[in-house]
Amino acid sequence: SALADRVKIARGAQGVDINPSVQHMLNCGGVGSCYGGSVDGPYQWLKEISDKGDGISYESAQPYLACSSDSKEGFCPHVDSTCKALNVARTCGGFSQEGGPCTG
């Protein structure tokens, strides 16, 4: 993503590559949808949450589903895309000792 590229440039190409979660931005950023958005909206949202001491989750914690709150195609009407802990970063355990279903 363009954001991951900016982070890599800012780090001088040092460190582990990151993949910020686009789905987290769709669920919580209010800066666009699957139908489009503004060019600078995501960066403004990231600045706002960074100023509060928060950040964006990694794609591994909130994978891209290609669904936003206004999506009507495919399985999207059945996807909860509200901005809550489970839709920011989720951990899913396959065993009951790991918590069983996904938690946020």
C-alpha atoms as a PDB file:
ATOM      1  CA  SER A   1       0.000   0.000   0.000  1.00  0.00           C
ATOM      2  CA  ALA A   2       1.027   3.619  -0.333  1.00  0.00           C
ATOM      3  CA  LEU A   3       1.019   3.895   3.458  1.00  0.00           C
ATOM      4  CA  ALA A   4       3.358   0.923   3.895  1.00  0.00           C
ATOM      5  CA  ASP A   5       5.653   2.486   1.284  1.00  0.00           C
ATOM      6  CA  ARG A   6       5.730   5.788   3.207  1.00  0.00           C
ATOM      7  CA  VAL A   7       6.616   3.966   6.427  1.00  0.00           C
ATOM      8  CA  LYS A   8       9.416   2.093   4.672  1.00  0.00           C
ATOM      9  CA  ILE A   9      10.813   5.330   3.225  1.00  0.00           C
ATOM     10  CA  ALA A  10      10.608   7.065   6.621  1.00  0.00           C
ATOM     11  CA  ARG A  11      12.517   4.153   8.186  1.00  0.00           C
ATOM     12  CA  GLY A  12      15.232   4.345   5.548  1.00  0.00           C
ATOM     13  CA  ALA A  13      14.273   0.846   4.362  1.00  0.00           C
ATOM     14  CA  GLN A  14      15.353  -0.536   7.756  1.00  0.00           C
ATOM     15  CA  GLY A  15      13.351  -2.939   9.883  1.00  0.00           C
ATOM     16  CA  VAL A  16      10.555  -5.335   9.132  1.00  0.00           C
ATOM     17  CA  ASP A  17       8.046  -4.374   6.450  1.00  0.00           C
ATOM     18  CA  ILE A  18       4.574  -3.656   7.781  1.00  0.00           C
ATOM     19  CA  ASN A  19       1.175  -4.010   6.157  1.00  0.00           C
ATOM     20  CA  PRO A  20      -1.365  -1.664   7.743  1.00  0.00           C
ATOM     21  CA  SER A  21      -4.950  -2.898   7.785  1.00  0.00           C
ATOM     22  CA  VAL A  22      -7.081  -1.310   5.086  1.00  0.00           C
ATOM     23  CA  GLN A  23     -10.124  -2.977   6.667  1.00  0.00           C
ATOM     24  CA  HIS A  24      -9.417  -1.213   9.988  1.00  0.00           C
ATOM     25  CA  MET A  25      -9.441   2.073   8.088  1.00  0.00           C
ATOM     26  CA  LEU A  26     -12.726   1.165   6.354  1.00  0.00           C
ATOM     27  CA  ASN A  27     -14.311   0.099   9.654  1.00  0.00           C
ATOM     28  CA  CYS A  28     -13.182   3.056  11.755  1.00  0.00           C
ATOM     29  CA  GLY A  29     -11.700   5.855   9.688  1.00  0.00           C
ATOM     30  CA  GLY A  30     -14.777   7.318   8.063  1.00  0.00           C
ATOM     31  CA  VAL A  31     -12.491   8.360   5.211  1.00  0.00           C
ATOM     32  CA  GLY A  32     -13.919   6.308   2.384  1.00  0.00           C
ATOM     33  CA  SER A  33     -15.545   3.066   1.440  1.00  0.00           C
ATOM     34  CA  CYS A  34     -15.149   0.289  -1.074  1.00  0.00           C
ATOM     35  CA  TYR A  35     -16.566   2.788  -3.567  1.00  0.00           C
ATOM     36  CA  GLY A  36     -13.795   5.322  -3.058  1.00  0.00           C
ATOM     37  CA  GLY A  37     -12.593   8.053  -0.769  1.00  0.00           C
ATOM     38  CA  SER A  38     -10.295  11.020  -0.572  1.00  0.00           C
ATOM     39  CA  VAL A  39      -6.567  10.963  -1.243  1.00  0.00           C
ATOM     40  CA  ASP A  40      -5.538  12.566   2.036  1.00  0.00           C
ATOM     41  CA  GLY A  41      -8.382  11.350   4.286  1.00  0.00           C
ATOM     42  CA  PRO A  42      -6.592   8.189   5.452  1.00  0.00           C
ATOM     43  CA  TYR A  43      -3.467  10.167   6.362  1.00  0.00           C
ATOM     44  CA  GLN A  44      -5.519  12.741   8.282  1.00  0.00           C
ATOM     45  CA  TRP A  45      -7.307   9.950  10.163  1.00  0.00           C
ATOM     46  CA  LEU A  46      -3.989   8.280  11.007  1.00  0.00           C
ATOM     47  CA  LYS A  47      -2.660  11.588  12.332  1.00  0.00           C
ATOM     48  CA  GLU A  48      -5.778  12.013  14.498  1.00  0.00           C
ATOM     49  CA  ILE A  49      -5.569   8.551  16.048  1.00  0.00           C
ATOM     50  CA  SER A  50      -1.793   8.846  16.465  1.00  0.00           C
ATOM     51  CA  ASP A  51      -2.255  12.097  18.374  1.00  0.00           C
ATOM     52  CA  LYS A  52      -4.557  10.163  20.746  1.00  0.00           C
ATOM     53  CA  GLY A  53      -1.891   7.496  21.276  1.00  0.00           C
ATOM     54  CA  ASP A  54      -3.615   4.904  19.086  1.00  0.00           C
ATOM     55  CA  GLY A  55      -2.561   3.433  15.771  1.00  0.00           C
ATOM     56  CA  ILE A  56      -3.662   1.296  12.884  1.00  0.00           C
ATOM     57  CA  SER A  57      -3.725  -2.465  13.203  1.00  0.00           C
ATOM     58  CA  TYR A  58      -1.720  -4.760  10.977  1.00  0.00           C
ATOM     59  CA  GLU A  59      -3.380  -6.603   8.127  1.00  0.00           C
ATOM     60  CA  SER A  60      -2.679  -9.898   9.904  1.00  0.00           C
ATOM     61  CA  ALA A  61      -4.948  -8.749  12.779  1.00  0.00           C
ATOM     62  CA  GLN A  62      -7.722  -7.365  10.559  1.00  0.00           C
ATOM     63  CA  PRO A  63      -7.522  -8.723   6.992  1.00  0.00           C
ATOM     64  CA  TYR A  64      -9.085  -6.919   4.069  1.00  0.00           C
ATOM     65  CA  LEU A  65     -12.592  -8.213   3.352  1.00  0.00           C
ATOM     66  CA  ALA A  66     -13.431  -5.818   0.506  1.00  0.00           C
ATOM     67  CA  CYS A  67     -16.518  -4.777   2.504  1.00  0.00           C
ATOM     68  CA  SER A  68     -17.527  -1.448   3.983  1.00  0.00           C
ATOM     69  CA  SER A  69     -20.720  -0.326   5.694  1.00  0.00           C
ATOM     70  CA  ASP A  70     -22.302   0.596   2.347  1.00  0.00           C
ATOM     71  CA  SER A  71     -21.349  -2.602   0.465  1.00  0.00           C
ATOM     72  CA  LYS A  72     -24.279  -4.620  -0.836  1.00  0.00           C
ATOM     73  CA  GLU A  73     -22.496  -7.268  -2.925  1.00  0.00           C
ATOM     74  CA  GLY A  74     -21.585 -10.856  -2.056  1.00  0.00           C
ATOM     75  CA  PHE A  75     -21.313 -11.645   1.640  1.00  0.00           C
ATOM     76  CA  CYS A  76     -20.779  -7.976   2.605  1.00  0.00           C
ATOM     77  CA  PRO A  77     -24.346  -7.393   3.874  1.00  0.00           C
ATOM     78  CA  HIS A  78     -23.596 -10.048   6.524  1.00  0.00           C
ATOM     79  CA  VAL A  79     -20.303  -8.466   7.639  1.00  0.00           C
ATOM     80  CA  ASP A  80     -20.255  -6.328  10.783  1.00  0.00           C
ATOM     81  CA  SER A  81     -18.031  -3.395   9.838  1.00  0.00           C
ATOM     82  CA  THR A  82     -18.733  -1.225  12.877  1.00  0.00           C
ATOM     83  CA  CYS A  83     -15.749   0.272  14.660  1.00  0.00           C
ATOM     84  CA  LYS A  84     -15.350  -1.896  17.746  1.00  0.00           C
ATOM     85  CA  ALA A  85     -12.460  -3.890  19.190  1.00  0.00           C
ATOM     86  CA  LEU A  86     -13.307  -7.053  17.247  1.00  0.00           C
ATOM     87  CA  ASN A  87     -13.305  -5.070  13.989  1.00  0.00           C
ATOM     88  CA  VAL A  88     -10.017  -3.313  14.711  1.00  0.00           C
ATOM     89  CA  ALA A  89      -7.793  -6.255  15.625  1.00  0.00           C
ATOM     90  CA  ARG A  90      -8.975  -9.767  16.196  1.00  0.00           C
ATOM     91  CA  THR A  91      -7.340 -12.855  17.566  1.00  0.00           C
ATOM     92  CA  CYS A  92      -8.931 -16.153  16.687  1.00  0.00           C
ATOM     93  CA  GLY A  93      -8.196 -19.381  18.489  1.00  0.00           C
ATOM     94  CA  GLY A  94      -9.197 -22.728  17.120  1.00  0.00           C
ATOM     95  CA  PHE A  95      -9.179 -24.343  20.553  1.00  0.00           C
ATOM     96  CA  SER A  96     -11.210 -23.518  23.662  1.00  0.00           C
ATOM     97  CA  GLN A  97      -8.041 -22.908  25.723  1.00  0.00           C
ATOM     98  CA  GLU A  98      -7.150 -20.189  23.179  1.00  0.00           C
ATOM     99  CA  GLY A  99     -10.494 -18.501  23.635  1.00  0.00           C
ATOM    100  CA  GLY A 100     -12.372 -20.392  20.933  1.00  0.00           C
ATOM    101  CA  PRO A 101     -14.053 -17.820  18.697  1.00  0.00           C
ATOM    102  CA  CYS A 102     -12.453 -14.548  17.715  1.00  0.00           C
ATOM    103  CA  THR A 103     -11.925 -11.839  20.321  1.00  0.00           C
ATOM    104  CA  GLY A 104     -11.013  -8.186  19.889  1.00  0.00           C
END
